[in-house]
Amino acid sequence: MDAPSPKASWAAQLPGGPPLREELARLVDSDGGNDPAENGYFEIANDPQFVAIERAQRRFKAQLRRRLRHRRSKANGRDPE
């Protein structure tokens, strides 16, 4: 986030990009499920509540970025409307 906003620093800590569940699944499968820590991470990443929270955080981060871009372009006199 490059614009001043009280939420910008907090939103920067939210996950960005696509979820890594598929990559984690491949990692667990390649090891044959022998690493308890990897298995635990995989179970957490596939928990429906975790998935819903992560999706909501990604949406919020994207919405905040759009709002900040819009506010910045409006301040520069390039109102997109």
N, C-alpha and C. Protein backbone atom coordinates (compact mmCIF):
# COMPACT_ATOMS: atom_id res chain seq x y z
N MET A 1 0.85 -1.17 0.00
CA MET A 1 0.00 0.00 0.00
C MET A 1 0.90 1.24 0.00
N ASP A 2 0.64 2.15 -0.91
CA ASP A 2 1.51 3.29 -0.99
C ASP A 2 0.82 4.61 -0.65
N ALA A 3 -0.43 4.59 -0.24
CA ALA A 3 -1.12 5.81 0.12
C ALA A 3 -1.38 5.83 1.62
N PRO A 4 -1.38 7.02 2.22
CA PRO A 4 -1.62 7.08 3.66
C PRO A 4 -3.06 6.71 3.98
N SER A 5 -3.21 5.82 4.87
CA SER A 5 -4.51 5.38 5.35
C SER A 5 -4.30 4.67 6.67
N PRO A 6 -5.20 4.83 7.62
CA PRO A 6 -5.01 4.14 8.90
C PRO A 6 -5.02 2.62 8.75
N LYS A 7 -5.66 2.12 7.71
CA LYS A 7 -5.76 0.68 7.52
C LYS A 7 -4.68 0.12 6.62
N ALA A 8 -3.89 0.98 5.98
CA ALA A 8 -2.92 0.52 4.99
C ALA A 8 -1.87 -0.41 5.59
N SER A 9 -1.32 -0.06 6.74
CA SER A 9 -0.28 -0.92 7.32
C SER A 9 -0.88 -2.24 7.78
N TRP A 10 -2.11 -2.20 8.30
CA TRP A 10 -2.75 -3.44 8.74
C TRP A 10 -3.07 -4.33 7.53
N ALA A 11 -3.59 -3.72 6.47
CA ALA A 11 -3.96 -4.50 5.29
C ALA A 11 -2.74 -5.06 4.58
N ALA A 12 -1.60 -4.40 4.70
CA ALA A 12 -0.38 -4.90 4.06
C ALA A 12 0.04 -6.24 4.65
N GLN A 13 -0.36 -6.52 5.87
CA GLN A 13 -0.01 -7.78 6.53
C GLN A 13 -0.93 -8.93 6.12
N LEU A 14 -2.04 -8.63 5.45
CA LEU A 14 -2.97 -9.67 5.02
C LEU A 14 -2.35 -10.45 3.87
N PRO A 15 -2.81 -11.70 3.68
CA PRO A 15 -2.24 -12.50 2.60
C PRO A 15 -2.54 -11.88 1.24
N GLY A 16 -1.61 -12.05 0.33
CA GLY A 16 -1.79 -11.55 -1.02
C GLY A 16 -1.57 -12.69 -2.01
N GLY A 17 -2.16 -12.57 -3.16
CA GLY A 17 -2.00 -13.62 -4.16
C GLY A 17 -2.91 -14.80 -3.91
N PRO A 18 -2.81 -15.78 -4.77
CA PRO A 18 -3.70 -16.94 -4.64
C PRO A 18 -3.33 -17.81 -3.45
N PRO A 19 -4.30 -18.54 -2.90
CA PRO A 19 -3.99 -19.45 -1.80
C PRO A 19 -3.00 -20.52 -2.24
N LEU A 20 -2.19 -20.99 -1.32
CA LEU A 20 -1.15 -21.96 -1.64
C LEU A 20 -1.54 -23.38 -1.22
N ARG A 21 -2.83 -23.66 -1.13
CA ARG A 21 -3.28 -24.99 -0.69
C ARG A 21 -2.83 -26.08 -1.64
N GLU A 22 -2.92 -25.83 -2.95
CA GLU A 22 -2.55 -26.87 -3.91
C GLU A 22 -1.06 -27.20 -3.81
N GLU A 23 -0.24 -26.15 -3.67
CA GLU A 23 1.20 -26.39 -3.54
C GLU A 23 1.52 -27.14 -2.26
N LEU A 24 0.82 -26.79 -1.18
CA LEU A 24 1.01 -27.49 0.08
C LEU A 24 0.57 -28.94 -0.03
N ALA A 25 -0.51 -29.19 -0.75
CA ALA A 25 -0.97 -30.57 -0.95
C ALA A 25 0.07 -31.38 -1.72
N ARG A 26 0.65 -30.78 -2.75
CA ARG A 26 1.70 -31.49 -3.50
C ARG A 26 2.92 -31.78 -2.63
N LEU A 27 3.27 -30.84 -1.77
CA LEU A 27 4.40 -31.03 -0.86
C LEU A 27 4.14 -32.19 0.10
N VAL A 28 2.95 -32.23 0.67
CA VAL A 28 2.59 -33.31 1.60
C VAL A 28 2.57 -34.65 0.86
N ASP A 29 2.00 -34.67 -0.35
CA ASP A 29 1.95 -35.91 -1.12
C ASP A 29 3.34 -36.40 -1.51
N SER A 30 4.22 -35.46 -1.87
CA SER A 30 5.56 -35.88 -2.29
C SER A 30 6.35 -36.49 -1.14
N ASP A 31 6.04 -36.08 0.08
CA ASP A 31 6.72 -36.61 1.26
C ASP A 31 6.03 -37.87 1.79
N GLY A 32 4.88 -38.19 1.22
CA GLY A 32 4.15 -39.36 1.67
C GLY A 32 3.43 -39.14 2.99
N GLY A 33 3.26 -37.89 3.40
CA GLY A 33 2.56 -37.58 4.65
C GLY A 33 3.35 -37.94 5.88
N ASN A 34 4.67 -38.00 5.78
CA ASN A 34 5.50 -38.40 6.91
C ASN A 34 5.87 -37.26 7.84
N ASP A 35 5.64 -36.02 7.45
CA ASP A 35 5.99 -34.88 8.29
C ASP A 35 4.75 -34.37 9.02
N PRO A 36 4.68 -34.56 10.34
CA PRO A 36 3.48 -34.14 11.08
C PRO A 36 3.22 -32.63 10.98
N ALA A 37 4.27 -31.82 10.93
CA ALA A 37 4.06 -30.37 10.83
C ALA A 37 3.40 -30.02 9.50
N GLU A 38 3.89 -30.59 8.40
CA GLU A 38 3.28 -30.32 7.09
C GLU A 38 1.84 -30.80 7.06
N ASN A 39 1.58 -31.96 7.65
CA ASN A 39 0.22 -32.47 7.69
C ASN A 39 -0.69 -31.52 8.46
N GLY A 40 -0.19 -30.98 9.56
CA GLY A 40 -0.98 -30.04 10.34
C GLY A 40 -1.27 -28.76 9.57
N TYR A 41 -0.25 -28.23 8.88
CA TYR A 41 -0.46 -27.03 8.07
C TYR A 41 -1.49 -27.28 6.98
N PHE A 42 -1.42 -28.46 6.38
CA PHE A 42 -2.36 -28.81 5.31
C PHE A 42 -3.78 -28.89 5.86
N GLU A 43 -3.95 -29.48 7.02
CA GLU A 43 -5.28 -29.58 7.63
C GLU A 43 -5.84 -28.19 7.95
N ILE A 44 -4.99 -27.31 8.47
CA ILE A 44 -5.43 -25.95 8.79
C ILE A 44 -5.83 -25.22 7.51
N ALA A 45 -5.03 -25.36 6.47
CA ALA A 45 -5.30 -24.65 5.21
C ALA A 45 -6.57 -25.15 4.53
N ASN A 46 -7.01 -26.35 4.84
CA ASN A 46 -8.22 -26.89 4.24
C ASN A 46 -9.44 -26.77 5.13
N ASP A 47 -9.28 -26.17 6.30
CA ASP A 47 -10.42 -25.94 7.19
C ASP A 47 -11.34 -24.90 6.53
N PRO A 48 -12.64 -25.20 6.39
CA PRO A 48 -13.54 -24.28 5.71
C PRO A 48 -13.58 -22.88 6.34
N GLN A 49 -13.48 -22.79 7.65
CA GLN A 49 -13.50 -21.49 8.30
C GLN A 49 -12.23 -20.70 7.96
N PHE A 50 -11.09 -21.36 7.93
CA PHE A 50 -9.83 -20.71 7.57
C PHE A 50 -9.91 -20.20 6.14
N VAL A 51 -10.44 -21.02 5.26
CA VAL A 51 -10.55 -20.64 3.84
C VAL A 51 -11.46 -19.42 3.70
N ALA A 52 -12.58 -19.39 4.42
CA ALA A 52 -13.49 -18.25 4.33
C ALA A 52 -12.85 -16.97 4.86
N ILE A 53 -12.13 -17.07 5.96
CA ILE A 53 -11.47 -15.90 6.54
C ILE A 53 -10.39 -15.38 5.60
N GLU A 54 -9.60 -16.31 5.04
CA GLU A 54 -8.53 -15.90 4.13
C GLU A 54 -9.11 -15.23 2.89
N ARG A 55 -10.19 -15.75 2.36
CA ARG A 55 -10.84 -15.16 1.18
C ARG A 55 -11.34 -13.74 1.51
N ALA A 56 -11.96 -13.58 2.69
CA ALA A 56 -12.46 -12.26 3.08
C ALA A 56 -11.31 -11.26 3.24
N GLN A 57 -10.18 -11.72 3.79
CA GLN A 57 -9.03 -10.83 3.95
C GLN A 57 -8.48 -10.40 2.60
N ARG A 58 -8.42 -11.32 1.65
CA ARG A 58 -7.92 -10.98 0.32
C ARG A 58 -8.84 -9.97 -0.36
N ARG A 59 -10.15 -10.17 -0.22
CA ARG A 59 -11.11 -9.24 -0.81
C ARG A 59 -10.97 -7.85 -0.20
N PHE A 60 -10.84 -7.80 1.12
CA PHE A 60 -10.70 -6.51 1.79
C PHE A 60 -9.45 -5.80 1.31
N LYS A 61 -8.35 -6.52 1.20
CA LYS A 61 -7.10 -5.92 0.75
C LYS A 61 -7.24 -5.36 -0.66
N ALA A 62 -7.88 -6.11 -1.54
CA ALA A 62 -8.08 -5.66 -2.92
C ALA A 62 -8.99 -4.43 -2.97
N GLN A 63 -10.07 -4.44 -2.16
CA GLN A 63 -10.98 -3.31 -2.14
C GLN A 63 -10.29 -2.06 -1.61
N LEU A 64 -9.47 -2.21 -0.58
CA LEU A 64 -8.75 -1.06 -0.03
C LEU A 64 -7.78 -0.50 -1.06
N ARG A 65 -7.09 -1.35 -1.77
CA ARG A 65 -6.18 -0.87 -2.81
C ARG A 65 -6.93 -0.09 -3.89
N ARG A 66 -8.08 -0.61 -4.31
CA ARG A 66 -8.88 0.10 -5.33
C ARG A 66 -9.34 1.45 -4.82
N ARG A 67 -9.81 1.50 -3.57
CA ARG A 67 -10.27 2.77 -3.00
C ARG A 67 -9.14 3.79 -2.90
N LEU A 68 -7.96 3.32 -2.51
CA LEU A 68 -6.83 4.23 -2.39
C LEU A 68 -6.39 4.75 -3.77
N ARG A 69 -6.39 3.86 -4.77
CA ARG A 69 -6.06 4.29 -6.13
C ARG A 69 -7.07 5.33 -6.64
N HIS A 70 -8.35 5.07 -6.37
CA HIS A 70 -9.41 5.99 -6.79
C HIS A 70 -9.24 7.34 -6.11
N ARG A 71 -8.97 7.32 -4.81
CA ARG A 71 -8.79 8.56 -4.06
C ARG A 71 -7.56 9.33 -4.57
N ARG A 72 -6.50 8.59 -4.88
CA ARG A 72 -5.28 9.21 -5.38
C ARG A 72 -5.52 9.85 -6.76
N SER A 73 -6.21 9.13 -7.64
CA SER A 73 -6.47 9.69 -8.97
C SER A 73 -7.44 10.87 -8.90
N LYS A 74 -8.36 10.83 -7.98
CA LYS A 74 -9.29 11.95 -7.80
C LYS A 74 -8.54 13.18 -7.28
N ALA A 75 -7.59 12.97 -6.38
CA ALA A 75 -6.80 14.08 -5.84
C ALA A 75 -5.90 14.69 -6.91
N ASN A 76 -5.49 13.88 -7.88
CA ASN A 76 -4.62 14.37 -8.96
C ASN A 76 -5.42 15.00 -10.09
N GLY A 77 -6.73 15.07 -9.95
CA GLY A 77 -7.55 15.71 -10.98
C GLY A 77 -7.92 14.79 -12.13
N ARG A 78 -7.68 13.51 -11.97
CA ARG A 78 -8.03 12.55 -13.03
C ARG A 78 -9.18 11.68 -12.55
N ASP A 79 -10.30 12.29 -12.28
CA ASP A 79 -11.46 11.57 -11.78
C ASP A 79 -11.91 10.56 -12.82
N PRO A 80 -11.91 9.26 -12.48
CA PRO A 80 -12.25 8.22 -13.46
C PRO A 80 -13.74 8.20 -13.81
N GLU A 81 -14.56 8.94 -13.12
CA GLU A 81 -16.00 8.90 -13.39
C GLU A 81 -16.38 9.77 -14.56
